[in-house]
Protein backbone atom coordinates (compact mmCIF):
# COMPACT_ATOMS: atom_id res chain seq x y z
CA ARG A 1 -35.98 76.85 11.94
CA PRO A 2 -39.09 75.38 10.40
CA GLY A 3 -38.33 72.98 7.58
CA VAL A 4 -41.20 73.40 5.13
CA GLY A 5 -42.22 70.44 3.01
CA PHE A 6 -41.40 67.43 5.15
CA LEU A 7 -45.06 66.57 5.72
CA HIS A 8 -45.78 66.24 2.01
CA THR A 9 -48.31 63.48 1.41
CA GLY A 10 -48.82 63.87 -2.33
CA ILE A 11 -52.41 65.11 -2.04
CA GLU A 12 -52.18 67.34 -5.11
CA LYS A 13 -50.74 64.58 -7.30
CA THR A 14 -53.16 61.95 -6.03
CA THR A 15 -56.19 64.12 -6.82
CA GLU A 16 -55.13 64.22 -10.46
CA PHE A 17 -56.25 60.59 -10.70
CA ARG A 18 -59.53 60.96 -8.82
CA THR A 19 -62.94 62.43 -9.56
CA TRP A 20 -63.90 65.85 -8.20
CA THR A 21 -65.97 64.20 -5.47
CA GLN A 22 -63.27 61.70 -4.52
CA GLY A 23 -60.87 64.61 -4.08
CA VAL A 24 -62.76 65.65 -0.95
CA THR A 25 -61.54 62.50 0.84
CA LEU A 26 -57.96 63.64 0.25
CA VAL A 27 -58.17 67.39 0.93
CA THR A 28 -60.03 66.92 4.23
CA ARG A 29 -56.77 65.46 5.57
CA ALA A 30 -54.72 68.52 4.62
CA ASP A 31 -55.47 70.07 8.04
CA TYR A 32 -56.84 67.60 10.54
CA LEU A 33 -57.83 70.39 12.97
CA SER A 34 -59.88 72.27 10.37
CA PRO A 35 -60.99 69.60 7.90
CA LEU A 36 -64.30 71.23 7.06
CA PHE A 37 -62.55 74.39 5.90
CA SER A 38 -60.37 72.40 3.50
CA GLU A 39 -63.44 70.61 2.18
CA THR A 40 -65.30 73.88 1.69
CA ALA A 41 -62.43 75.69 -0.03
CA TYR A 42 -61.88 72.76 -2.39
CA SER A 43 -65.59 72.34 -3.15
CA MET A 44 -66.03 76.06 -3.82
CA ALA A 45 -63.05 75.98 -6.20
CA VAL A 46 -64.59 73.07 -8.11
CA GLU A 47 -67.95 74.84 -8.21
CA ARG A 48 -66.32 77.96 -9.58
CA LEU A 49 -64.61 75.93 -12.30
CA LEU A 50 -67.91 74.29 -13.22
CA GLY A 51 -69.91 77.52 -13.02
CA VAL A 52 -72.35 76.16 -10.43
CA GLU A 53 -73.46 77.30 -6.99
CA ALA A 54 -74.48 75.20 -4.02
CA PRO A 55 -78.10 75.62 -2.82
CA ALA A 56 -78.64 78.26 -0.13
CA ARG A 57 -79.48 75.64 2.50
CA ALA A 58 -76.28 73.74 1.79
CA GLN A 59 -74.29 76.97 2.09
CA LEU A 60 -75.83 77.71 5.48
CA ILE A 61 -75.05 74.19 6.70
CA ARG A 62 -71.47 74.64 5.53
CA ILE A 63 -71.25 77.80 7.64
CA LEU A 64 -72.72 76.03 10.67
CA LEU A 65 -70.22 73.20 10.39
CA MET A 66 -67.24 75.48 9.82
CA GLU A 67 -68.03 77.70 12.79
CA VAL A 68 -68.28 74.70 15.13
CA ASN A 69 -65.03 73.46 13.59
CA ARG A 70 -63.46 76.89 14.15
CA VAL A 71 -64.25 76.71 17.88
CA SER A 72 -62.81 73.21 18.15
CA SER A 73 -59.61 74.28 16.40
CA HIS A 74 -59.12 77.27 18.71
CA LEU A 75 -59.68 75.04 21.74
CA VAL A 76 -56.82 72.78 20.62
CA THR A 77 -54.57 75.84 20.30
CA LEU A 78 -55.46 77.07 23.79
CA GLY A 79 -55.12 73.63 25.33
CA ALA A 80 -51.81 72.85 23.62
CA THR A 81 -50.44 76.25 24.64
CA GLY A 82 -51.31 75.44 28.24
CA LEU A 83 -49.59 72.08 27.97
CA GLU A 84 -46.40 73.66 26.63
CA LEU A 85 -46.40 76.06 29.58
CA GLY A 86 -46.96 73.34 32.14
CA ALA A 87 -50.65 74.09 32.68
CA ILE A 88 -51.84 70.53 32.12
CA THR A 89 -55.37 71.24 33.35
CA MET A 90 -55.74 73.77 30.54
CA MET A 91 -55.02 70.97 28.08
CA THR A 92 -57.41 68.45 29.63
CA ASN A 93 -60.20 71.00 29.97
CA GLY A 94 -59.58 72.41 26.50
CA ILE A 95 -59.77 68.95 24.93
CA ARG A 96 -62.88 68.19 26.98
CA ALA A 97 -64.50 71.31 25.54
CA ARG A 98 -63.38 70.33 22.05
CA GLU A 99 -65.10 66.97 22.48
CA ARG A 100 -68.41 68.82 22.65
CA CYS A 101 -67.68 70.30 19.23
CA LEU A 102 -66.72 66.93 17.80
CA ASP A 103 -69.92 65.39 19.19
CA VAL A 104 -71.95 67.89 17.17
CA LEU A 105 -69.87 67.37 14.02
CA GLU A 106 -70.13 63.59 14.37
CA ALA A 107 -73.90 63.73 14.83
CA ILE A 108 -74.23 65.74 11.61
CA THR A 109 -71.52 64.25 9.37
CA GLY A 110 -71.07 60.78 10.85
CA LEU A 111 -67.39 61.35 11.67
CA ARG A 112 -65.45 63.24 14.32
CA MET A 113 -62.67 64.31 11.93
CA ASN A 114 -61.78 64.09 8.22
CA HIS A 115 -65.47 64.18 7.44
CA GLY A 116 -65.62 64.12 3.65
CA PHE A 117 -69.04 65.70 4.11
CA ILE A 118 -68.88 68.92 2.11
CA ARG A 119 -68.96 68.01 -1.58
CA PRO A 120 -68.83 69.96 -4.84
CA GLY A 121 -72.39 71.13 -5.42
CA GLY A 122 -73.51 70.92 -1.80
CA ILE A 123 -73.17 68.49 1.09
CA ALA A 124 -73.46 64.74 1.55
CA THR A 125 -76.76 64.69 3.49
CA ASP A 126 -79.20 67.05 5.14
CA LEU A 127 -79.10 67.83 8.85
CA PRO A 128 -80.38 65.12 11.23
CA GLU A 129 -83.88 65.58 12.57
CA ASP A 130 -82.67 66.29 16.10
CA PHE A 131 -80.06 68.85 15.09
CA ARG A 132 -81.86 71.71 16.89
CA ASP A 133 -81.72 69.74 20.13
CA LEU A 134 -78.01 69.16 19.51
CA ILE A 135 -77.30 72.87 19.10
CA ASP A 136 -79.56 73.87 22.01
CA ALA A 137 -77.56 71.55 24.27
CA PHE A 138 -74.20 72.49 22.76
CA LEU A 139 -74.38 76.28 23.15
CA PRO A 140 -74.90 76.61 26.94
CA ALA A 141 -72.43 73.78 27.57
CA MET A 142 -69.79 75.54 25.45
CA TRP A 143 -70.33 78.87 27.22
CA ARG A 144 -69.71 77.09 30.52
CA GLU A 145 -66.55 75.48 29.17
CA LEU A 146 -65.21 78.80 27.89
CA ALA A 147 -65.97 80.53 31.18
CA GLU A 148 -64.06 77.80 33.04
CA LEU A 149 -61.05 78.13 30.73
CA ASP A 150 -61.04 81.89 31.16
CA LYS A 151 -61.26 81.51 34.94
CA LEU A 152 -58.45 78.96 34.87
CA VAL A 153 -55.85 81.16 33.14
CA GLY A 154 -57.31 84.68 32.93
CA GLY A 155 -55.44 85.88 35.99
CA GLN A 156 -52.80 83.15 36.16
CA PRO A 157 -49.40 84.90 36.52
CA ILE A 158 -47.36 82.12 34.87
CA TRP A 159 -49.71 82.04 31.85
CA ILE A 160 -49.54 85.83 31.52
CA ASN A 161 -45.80 86.22 32.11
CA ARG A 162 -44.89 83.55 29.56
CA LEU A 163 -47.16 84.94 26.84
CA LYS A 164 -47.47 88.70 27.36
CA ASN A 165 -44.98 90.75 25.31
CA VAL A 166 -43.50 87.51 23.96
CA GLY A 167 -43.24 86.66 20.25
CA TRP A 168 -44.36 90.11 19.18
CA LEU A 169 -45.28 90.62 15.52
CA GLY A 170 -46.82 93.87 14.30
CA VAL A 171 -49.14 94.47 11.36
CA GLU A 172 -46.29 95.37 8.98
CA GLY A 173 -44.48 92.15 9.85
CA CYS A 174 -47.64 90.12 9.39
CA VAL A 175 -48.28 91.61 5.96
CA ALA A 176 -44.66 91.15 4.89
CA LEU A 177 -44.69 87.49 5.94
CA GLY A 178 -48.18 86.71 4.68
CA VAL A 179 -49.52 86.06 8.19
CA THR A 180 -53.31 85.99 8.39
CA GLY A 181 -56.06 84.89 10.75
CA PRO A 182 -55.97 85.45 14.52
CA MET A 183 -52.31 86.56 14.46
CA LEU A 184 -53.05 89.38 12.01
CA ARG A 185 -56.16 90.45 13.92
CA GLY A 186 -54.20 90.17 17.18
CA ALA A 187 -51.74 92.68 15.75
CA GLY A 188 -54.58 95.12 15.13
CA LEU A 189 -55.78 94.68 11.53
CA ALA A 190 -59.45 93.73 11.22
CA TRP A 191 -58.88 91.45 8.22
CA ASP A 192 -61.39 88.60 8.14
CA LEU A 193 -62.39 87.07 4.81
CA ARG A 194 -65.91 86.56 6.13
CA LYS A 195 -66.13 90.38 6.12
CA THR A 196 -63.56 91.58 3.59
CA GLU A 197 -64.31 89.01 0.88
CA PRO A 198 -67.54 87.35 2.07
CA TYR A 199 -68.51 83.96 0.73
CA LEU A 200 -71.30 81.44 1.31
CA GLY A 201 -73.58 84.27 2.42
CA TYR A 202 -71.47 85.49 5.34
CA ASP A 203 -72.39 89.03 4.29
CA THR A 204 -75.96 88.37 5.49
CA PHE A 205 -74.73 87.92 9.09
CA ASP A 206 -74.07 90.79 11.48
CA PHE A 207 -70.91 90.22 13.53
CA ASP A 208 -67.85 92.12 14.66
CA VAL A 209 -64.23 91.30 13.88
CA PRO A 210 -62.32 91.24 17.19
CA THR A 211 -58.88 92.84 17.12
CA ASP A 212 -56.08 93.54 19.60
CA GLY A 213 -53.18 95.87 18.96
CA ARG A 214 -50.63 94.09 21.16
CA GLY A 215 -49.56 91.45 18.61
CA ASP A 216 -47.98 89.08 21.13
CA CYS A 217 -48.52 85.43 22.02
């Protein structure tokens, strides 16, 4: 059984004695795999309290950073799942792919993780001058990495047998337990805050919400 609360680090209490900007340094450590999401959620909350809105360019940069961070987080999940199942190459290749994401985030924010880059009112600095070159190199490299990962486990019988029809959770169960994100969409409900309650200008982008009705691992 999961024991909730044993990783408490006093972030909420500590922020009571810090400025709004200093709080970013604390909340970015709330989820070390998705630090930029924690920074953004916190900064948007502060902005809402103050009645201000970040400039459009800053909002777009936040989206760029979060989407690269999203890919890196998913890659850790895939790699760690492979490791737990004995597919060590899945872990090494997944982490190798994640490194490409962290290279981009480091080039923009100065840090690989716990960036402290997204601040109330905007971001710490503008994009580096060579950021287009970074992205142009990142995208084809990432497509190659994803294709390799798919080839590695897409038809692998051990991977499939240990995950298919295992740990099933349907939409009703997800809603009852407050489960969101990929697990909810994997059960079949196209619930994605970027679509259902868009923020930061996500409503100006055209994209589909992938779903799958099987609801298993």
